[in-house]
Amino acid sequence: NALECICLYYPEAQITLSTAQSVSALSLYHDQKFIQGFPDMPYLFKRTFSRQIQYPFAANAINVITFVRTIPRFSGGKTPTAYVIIDIKSDALYSSFSEISMKENTNFLVYDASNALIHATGERLSFNEVYPDEGDIEPEKATRKIRIHDHTYHTSVIRSEDTGWTYVYLQDIQDIDQHLLRIRNSFLFFACIILLLGVLYSLLASRKLNQ
């Protein structure tokens, strides 16, 4: 149910082969405007898009995540043999994120390749609010402290090379500090108990020796 459409586009013949319309001339394909924009898109051999599809005679557009790959992979001005276009329904893809269990004062955010927010568990924050200096993000993972709306957060950022999405987890630093404070207090309490037992043992031992 998550799959909306799979399409192969052959630029030399200007035809498409899809699960939606079988074999069609590009001029008759329902999603032709998107495909016609391929020559103007850089690095298209591996791209991911968050967009809407409007079918003819349909009342409402469908929100999809579109994965585009080329056969074979190409570079420069070389035209690939074919494009593979896979549309996945957004709701089905995001529902797995909604099942993530979150604590209070935490946020889980997902941004697409253009840094547009496509999912938020917790407060909805723009990418610039969470990561004003995008250049600091390493290809796989980055962590840092950041202040947003008078709160300091510990952030964990992961960017997927396959989808171009950025996954961001934020936790209020005060919650972490309180947790560390509880651990410290527990340790001090335990140390005091050990110290008290040591003192009592020493007193009992000295009294026994004096007898």
C-alpha atoms as a PDB file:
ATOM      1  CA  ASN A   1       0.000   0.000   0.000  1.00  0.00           C
ATOM      2  CA  ALA A   2       2.988   2.322   0.409  1.00  0.00           C
ATOM      3  CA  LEU A   3       3.988   2.111  -3.267  1.00  0.00           C
ATOM      4  CA  GLU A   4       2.296   4.698  -5.471  1.00  0.00           C
ATOM      5  CA  CYS A   5       4.067   4.162  -8.797  1.00  0.00           C
ATOM      6  CA  ILE A   6       7.209   2.794 -10.444  1.00  0.00           C
ATOM      7  CA  CYS A   7       8.184   4.313 -13.783  1.00  0.00           C
ATOM      8  CA  LEU A   8      11.001   3.801 -16.282  1.00  0.00           C
ATOM      9  CA  TYR A   9      11.634   6.770 -18.562  1.00  0.00           C
ATOM     10  CA  TYR A  10      13.674   6.299 -21.759  1.00  0.00           C
ATOM     11  CA  PRO A  11      14.854   9.763 -22.909  1.00  0.00           C
ATOM     12  CA  GLU A  12      16.011   8.655 -26.368  1.00  0.00           C
ATOM     13  CA  ALA A  13      12.596   7.243 -27.311  1.00  0.00           C
ATOM     14  CA  GLN A  14      10.632   9.725 -25.133  1.00  0.00           C
ATOM     15  CA  ILE A  15       8.486   6.917 -23.697  1.00  0.00           C
ATOM     16  CA  THR A  16       7.615   5.754 -20.195  1.00  0.00           C
ATOM     17  CA  LEU A  17       6.870   2.320 -18.795  1.00  0.00           C
ATOM     18  CA  SER A  18       4.973   2.553 -15.529  1.00  0.00           C
ATOM     19  CA  THR A  19       2.675   0.665 -13.187  1.00  0.00           C
ATOM     20  CA  ALA A  20       0.177   3.512 -13.573  1.00  0.00           C
ATOM     21  CA  GLN A  21      -0.147   3.720 -17.388  1.00  0.00           C
ATOM     22  CA  SER A  22       1.867   0.827 -18.842  1.00  0.00           C
ATOM     23  CA  VAL A  23       3.715   2.042 -21.988  1.00  0.00           C
ATOM     24  CA  SER A  24       3.044   5.696 -22.802  1.00  0.00           C
ATOM     25  CA  ALA A  25       4.560   8.513 -24.795  1.00  0.00           C
ATOM     26  CA  LEU A  26       6.060  11.085 -22.451  1.00  0.00           C
ATOM     27  CA  SER A  27       3.602  13.664 -23.778  1.00  0.00           C
ATOM     28  CA  LEU A  28       0.731  11.494 -22.455  1.00  0.00           C
ATOM     29  CA  TYR A  29       2.257  10.554 -19.120  1.00  0.00           C
ATOM     30  CA  HIS A  30       0.423  12.021 -16.112  1.00  0.00           C
ATOM     31  CA  ASP A  31       3.684  13.122 -14.429  1.00  0.00           C
ATOM     32  CA  GLN A  32       5.382  14.520 -17.536  1.00  0.00           C
ATOM     33  CA  LYS A  33       6.101  17.995 -16.074  1.00  0.00           C
ATOM     34  CA  PHE A  34       8.274  16.468 -13.368  1.00  0.00           C
ATOM     35  CA  ILE A  35      10.200  14.314 -15.864  1.00  0.00           C
ATOM     36  CA  GLN A  36      10.646  17.172 -18.324  1.00  0.00           C
ATOM     37  CA  GLY A  37      12.556  19.052 -15.622  1.00  0.00           C
ATOM     38  CA  PHE A  38      15.266  16.356 -15.387  1.00  0.00           C
ATOM     39  CA  PRO A  39      17.773  18.049 -17.749  1.00  0.00           C
ATOM     40  CA  ASP A  40      17.835  21.119 -15.462  1.00  0.00           C
ATOM     41  CA  MET A  41      18.413  19.115 -12.257  1.00  0.00           C
ATOM     42  CA  PRO A  42      22.062  18.691 -11.181  1.00  0.00           C
ATOM     43  CA  TYR A  43      23.328  15.382  -9.787  1.00  0.00           C
ATOM     44  CA  LEU A  44      20.135  13.617 -10.828  1.00  0.00           C
ATOM     45  CA  PHE A  45      21.661  10.149 -10.920  1.00  0.00           C
ATOM     46  CA  LYS A  46      20.641   9.783  -7.254  1.00  0.00           C
ATOM     47  CA  ARG A  47      18.051  12.231  -5.941  1.00  0.00           C
ATOM     48  CA  THR A  48      15.083  12.225  -3.561  1.00  0.00           C
ATOM     49  CA  PHE A  49      12.122  14.628  -3.741  1.00  0.00           C
ATOM     50  CA  SER A  50       9.216  15.456  -1.445  1.00  0.00           C
ATOM     51  CA  ARG A  51       6.344  16.523  -3.720  1.00  0.00           C
ATOM     52  CA  GLN A  52       2.699  16.155  -4.829  1.00  0.00           C
ATOM     53  CA  ILE A  53       1.264  14.183  -7.751  1.00  0.00           C
ATOM     54  CA  GLN A  54      -1.948  15.322  -9.384  1.00  0.00           C
ATOM     55  CA  TYR A  55      -3.683  12.660 -11.479  1.00  0.00           C
ATOM     56  CA  PRO A  56      -6.085  13.690 -14.271  1.00  0.00           C
ATOM     57  CA  PHE A  57      -9.700  13.849 -13.061  1.00  0.00           C
ATOM     58  CA  ALA A  58      -8.589  13.301  -9.424  1.00  0.00           C
ATOM     59  CA  ALA A  59     -10.036  15.677  -6.841  1.00  0.00           C
ATOM     60  CA  ASN A  60      -6.940  15.858  -4.615  1.00  0.00           C
ATOM     61  CA  ALA A  61      -3.189  15.608  -5.112  1.00  0.00           C
ATOM     62  CA  ILE A  62      -1.209  12.822  -3.457  1.00  0.00           C
ATOM     63  CA  ASN A  63       1.819  13.555  -1.303  1.00  0.00           C
ATOM     64  CA  VAL A  64       4.735  11.316  -2.236  1.00  0.00           C
ATOM     65  CA  ILE A  65       8.440  10.855  -1.722  1.00  0.00           C
ATOM     66  CA  THR A  66      10.080  10.296  -5.114  1.00  0.00           C
ATOM     67  CA  PHE A  67      13.357   8.426  -5.558  1.00  0.00           C
ATOM     68  CA  VAL A  68      15.123   8.981  -8.897  1.00  0.00           C
ATOM     69  CA  ARG A  69      18.006   6.824 -10.101  1.00  0.00           C
ATOM     70  CA  THR A  70      19.622   6.467 -13.526  1.00  0.00           C
ATOM     71  CA  ILE A  71      20.609   3.414 -15.604  1.00  0.00           C
ATOM     72  CA  PRO A  72      23.532   3.533 -15.874  1.00  0.00           C
ATOM     73  CA  ARG A  73      24.889   6.192 -13.521  1.00  0.00           C
ATOM     74  CA  PHE A  74      26.112   9.164 -15.523  1.00  0.00           C
ATOM     75  CA  SER A  75      28.131  12.341 -15.074  1.00  0.00           C
ATOM     76  CA  GLY A  76      28.575  15.591 -16.966  1.00  0.00           C
ATOM     77  CA  GLY A  77      26.375  16.021 -20.016  1.00  0.00           C
ATOM     78  CA  LYS A  78      26.020  12.317 -20.845  1.00  0.00           C
ATOM     79  CA  THR A  79      22.413  11.167 -21.107  1.00  0.00           C
ATOM     80  CA  PRO A  80      21.578   7.931 -19.224  1.00  0.00           C
ATOM     81  CA  THR A  81      19.888   4.957 -20.892  1.00  0.00           C
ATOM     82  CA  ALA A  82      16.893   5.297 -18.595  1.00  0.00           C
ATOM     83  CA  TYR A  83      15.601   6.942 -15.439  1.00  0.00           C
ATOM     84  CA  VAL A  84      13.987   4.951 -12.641  1.00  0.00           C
ATOM     85  CA  ILE A  85      11.285   6.919 -10.780  1.00  0.00           C
ATOM     86  CA  ILE A  86       9.765   5.397  -7.625  1.00  0.00           C
ATOM     87  CA  ASP A  87       6.935   7.180  -5.812  1.00  0.00           C
ATOM     88  CA  ILE A  88       6.203   6.182  -2.203  1.00  0.00           C
ATOM     89  CA  LYS A  89       3.152   7.551  -0.364  1.00  0.00           C
ATOM     90  CA  SER A  90       4.349  10.036   2.240  1.00  0.00           C
ATOM     91  CA  ASP A  91       1.872   8.973   4.929  1.00  0.00           C
ATOM     92  CA  ALA A  92       3.044   5.370   4.786  1.00  0.00           C
ATOM     93  CA  LEU A  93       6.661   6.452   4.993  1.00  0.00           C
ATOM     94  CA  TYR A  94       6.174   8.878   7.881  1.00  0.00           C
ATOM     95  CA  SER A  95       3.959   6.581   9.955  1.00  0.00           C
ATOM     96  CA  SER A  96       7.039   4.640  11.108  1.00  0.00           C
ATOM     97  CA  PHE A  97       8.471   7.881  12.514  1.00  0.00           C
ATOM     98  CA  SER A  98       5.263   8.520  14.457  1.00  0.00           C
ATOM     99  CA  GLU A  99       5.733   5.243  16.330  1.00  0.00           C
ATOM    100  CA  ILE A 100       9.024   6.427  17.851  1.00  0.00           C
ATOM    101  CA  SER A 101       8.622   6.783  21.620  1.00  0.00           C
ATOM    102  CA  MET A 102       9.695  10.235  22.780  1.00  0.00           C
ATOM    103  CA  LYS A 103      10.291  11.635  26.263  1.00  0.00           C
ATOM    104  CA  GLU A 104       9.200  15.080  27.405  1.00  0.00           C
ATOM    105  CA  ASN A 105      11.189  18.047  26.067  1.00  0.00           C
ATOM    106  CA  THR A 106      12.550  16.038  23.132  1.00  0.00           C
ATOM    107  CA  ASN A 107      12.060  16.467  19.397  1.00  0.00           C
ATOM    108  CA  PHE A 108      12.591  14.195  16.395  1.00  0.00           C
ATOM    109  CA  LEU A 109      12.672  16.032  13.077  1.00  0.00           C
ATOM    110  CA  VAL A 110      13.168  14.893   9.483  1.00  0.00           C
ATOM    111  CA  TYR A 111      14.184  17.254   6.662  1.00  0.00           C
ATOM    112  CA  ASP A 112      14.295  16.408   2.975  1.00  0.00           C
ATOM    113  CA  ALA A 113      17.181  17.090   0.583  1.00  0.00           C
ATOM    114  CA  SER A 114      16.135  20.750   0.272  1.00  0.00           C
ATOM    115  CA  ASN A 115      16.076  21.076   4.112  1.00  0.00           C
ATOM    116  CA  ALA A 116      12.270  21.381   4.141  1.00  0.00           C
ATOM    117  CA  LEU A 117      10.634  19.899   7.252  1.00  0.00           C
ATOM    118  CA  ILE A 118       8.738  16.733   6.273  1.00  0.00           C
ATOM    119  CA  HIS A 119       8.117  15.200   9.712  1.00  0.00           C
ATOM    120  CA  ALA A 120       8.099  16.451  13.296  1.00  0.00           C
ATOM    121  CA  THR A 121       7.594  14.581  16.556  1.00  0.00           C
ATOM    122  CA  GLY A 122       7.504  17.369  19.112  1.00  0.00           C
ATOM    123  CA  GLU A 123       7.983  21.040  18.273  1.00  0.00           C
ATOM    124  CA  ARG A 124       8.086  21.960  14.580  1.00  0.00           C
ATOM    125  CA  LEU A 125      11.372  23.747  13.924  1.00  0.00           C
ATOM    126  CA  SER A 126      12.870  24.941  10.667  1.00  0.00           C
ATOM    127  CA  PHE A 127      16.237  23.563   9.607  1.00  0.00           C
ATOM    128  CA  ASN A 128      17.876  26.976  10.079  1.00  0.00           C
ATOM    129  CA  GLU A 129      16.662  27.077  13.690  1.00  0.00           C
ATOM    130  CA  VAL A 130      18.138  23.671  14.419  1.00  0.00           C
ATOM    131  CA  TYR A 131      21.304  23.970  12.361  1.00  0.00           C
ATOM    132  CA  PRO A 132      22.076  27.547  11.272  1.00  0.00           C
ATOM    133  CA  ASP A 133      25.507  26.543   9.950  1.00  0.00           C
ATOM    134  CA  GLU A 134      24.826  23.662   7.571  1.00  0.00           C
ATOM    135  CA  GLY A 135      28.492  23.456   6.629  1.00  0.00           C
ATOM    136  CA  ASP A 136      29.280  21.949  10.056  1.00  0.00           C
ATOM    137  CA  ILE A 137      27.282  18.796   9.320  1.00  0.00           C
ATOM    138  CA  GLU A 138      29.480  15.817   8.584  1.00  0.00           C
ATOM    139  CA  PRO A 139      28.282  13.357   5.914  1.00  0.00           C
ATOM    140  CA  GLU A 140      27.098  10.783   8.465  1.00  0.00           C
ATOM    141  CA  LYS A 141      26.697  12.239  11.951  1.00  0.00           C
ATOM    142  CA  ALA A 142      27.223  15.408  13.961  1.00  0.00           C
ATOM    143  CA  THR A 143      26.445  16.388  17.556  1.00  0.00           C
ATOM    144  CA  ARG A 144      26.467  19.751  19.251  1.00  0.00           C
ATOM    145  CA  LYS A 145      24.742  21.973  21.799  1.00  0.00           C
ATOM    146  CA  ILE A 146      22.418  24.672  20.498  1.00  0.00           C
ATOM    147  CA  ARG A 147      20.078  27.256  22.029  1.00  0.00           C
ATOM    148  CA  ILE A 148      16.535  27.520  20.633  1.00  0.00           C
ATOM    149  CA  HIS A 149      13.739  29.651  22.101  1.00  0.00           C
ATOM    150  CA  ASP A 150      15.574  30.211  25.418  1.00  0.00           C
ATOM    151  CA  HIS A 151      16.285  26.485  25.829  1.00  0.00           C
ATOM    152  CA  THR A 152      19.611  24.722  25.372  1.00  0.00           C
ATOM    153  CA  TYR A 153      19.429  21.408  23.522  1.00  0.00           C
ATOM    154  CA  HIS A 154      21.809  18.590  22.878  1.00  0.00           C
ATOM    155  CA  THR A 155      21.382  17.714  19.195  1.00  0.00           C
ATOM    156  CA  SER A 156      22.259  14.590  17.239  1.00  0.00           C
ATOM    157  CA  VAL A 157      22.196  15.018  13.457  1.00  0.00           C
ATOM    158  CA  ILE A 158      22.444  12.229  10.875  1.00  0.00           C
ATOM    159  CA  ARG A 159      22.356  12.874   7.135  1.00  0.00           C
ATOM    160  CA  SER A 160      21.548   9.976   4.821  1.00  0.00           C
ATOM    161  CA  GLU A 161      23.510   9.874   1.590  1.00  0.00           C
ATOM    162  CA  ASP A 162      20.921   7.525   0.047  1.00  0.00           C
ATOM    163  CA  THR A 163      17.894   9.804   0.503  1.00  0.00           C
ATOM    164  CA  GLY A 164      19.480  13.182   1.184  1.00  0.00           C
ATOM    165  CA  TRP A 165      17.313  13.434   4.316  1.00  0.00           C
ATOM    166  CA  THR A 166      18.581  14.844   7.600  1.00  0.00           C
ATOM    167  CA  TYR A 167      17.392  13.263  10.863  1.00  0.00           C
ATOM    168  CA  VAL A 168      17.650  15.478  13.960  1.00  0.00           C
ATOM    169  CA  TYR A 169      17.115  14.455  17.584  1.00  0.00           C
ATOM    170  CA  LEU A 170      17.004  17.185  20.237  1.00  0.00           C
ATOM    171  CA  GLN A 171      16.870  16.809  24.014  1.00  0.00           C
ATOM    172  CA  ASP A 172      16.643  19.650  26.496  1.00  0.00           C
ATOM    173  CA  ILE A 173      20.031  19.889  28.188  1.00  0.00           C
ATOM    174  CA  GLN A 174      18.329  20.589  31.560  1.00  0.00           C
ATOM    175  CA  ASP A 175      16.776  17.123  31.464  1.00  0.00           C
ATOM    176  CA  ILE A 176      20.203  15.598  30.840  1.00  0.00           C
ATOM    177  CA  ASP A 177      21.713  17.689  33.665  1.00  0.00           C
ATOM    178  CA  GLN A 178      18.923  16.628  36.045  1.00  0.00           C
ATOM    179  CA  HIS A 179      19.496  12.995  35.129  1.00  0.00           C
ATOM    180  CA  LEU A 180      23.233  13.354  35.751  1.00  0.00           C
ATOM    181  CA  LEU A 181      22.480  15.127  39.041  1.00  0.00           C
ATOM    182  CA  ARG A 182      20.287  12.206  40.155  1.00  0.00           C
ATOM    183  CA  ILE A 183      23.064   9.777  39.269  1.00  0.00           C
ATOM    184  CA  ARG A 184      25.593  11.868  41.207  1.00  0.00           C
ATOM    185  CA  ASN A 185      23.308  12.111  44.260  1.00  0.00           C
ATOM    186  CA  SER A 186      22.713   8.365  44.171  1.00  0.00           C
ATOM    187  CA  PHE A 187      26.452   7.745  44.004  1.00  0.00           C
ATOM    188  CA  LEU A 188      27.116  10.135  46.923  1.00  0.00           C
ATOM    189  CA  PHE A 189      24.372   8.476  48.968  1.00  0.00           C
ATOM    190  CA  PHE A 190      25.843   5.047  48.251  1.00  0.00           C
ATOM    191  CA  ALA A 191      29.343   6.314  49.137  1.00  0.00           C
ATOM    192  CA  CYS A 192      28.049   7.732  52.427  1.00  0.00           C
ATOM    193  CA  ILE A 193      26.425   4.405  53.291  1.00  0.00           C
ATOM    194  CA  ILE A 194      29.696   2.560  52.570  1.00  0.00           C
ATOM    195  CA  LEU A 195      31.621   5.113  54.642  1.00  0.00           C
ATOM    196  CA  LEU A 196      29.151   4.794  57.536  1.00  0.00           C
ATOM    197  CA  LEU A 197      29.366   1.006  57.447  1.00  0.00           C
ATOM    198  CA  GLY A 198      33.165   1.278  57.475  1.00  0.00           C
ATOM    199  CA  VAL A 199      33.097   3.551  60.530  1.00  0.00           C
ATOM    200  CA  LEU A 200      30.686   1.241  62.382  1.00  0.00           C
ATOM    201  CA  TYR A 201      32.828  -1.776  61.527  1.00  0.00           C
ATOM    202  CA  SER A 202      35.927   0.024  62.794  1.00  0.00           C
ATOM    203  CA  LEU A 203      34.192   0.949  66.064  1.00  0.00           C
ATOM    204  CA  LEU A 204      32.935  -2.584  66.619  1.00  0.00           C
ATOM    205  CA  ALA A 205      36.325  -4.031  65.787  1.00  0.00           C
ATOM    206  CA  SER A 206      38.149  -1.661  68.178  1.00  0.00           C
ATOM    207  CA  ARG A 207      35.682  -2.429  71.005  1.00  0.00           C
ATOM    208  CA  LYS A 208      36.168  -6.148  70.471  1.00  0.00           C
ATOM    209  CA  LEU A 209      39.956  -5.759  70.593  1.00  0.00           C
ATOM    210  CA  ASN A 210      39.726  -3.706  73.801  1.00  0.00           C
ATOM    211  CA  GLN A 211      37.726  -6.469  75.465  1.00  0.00           C
END
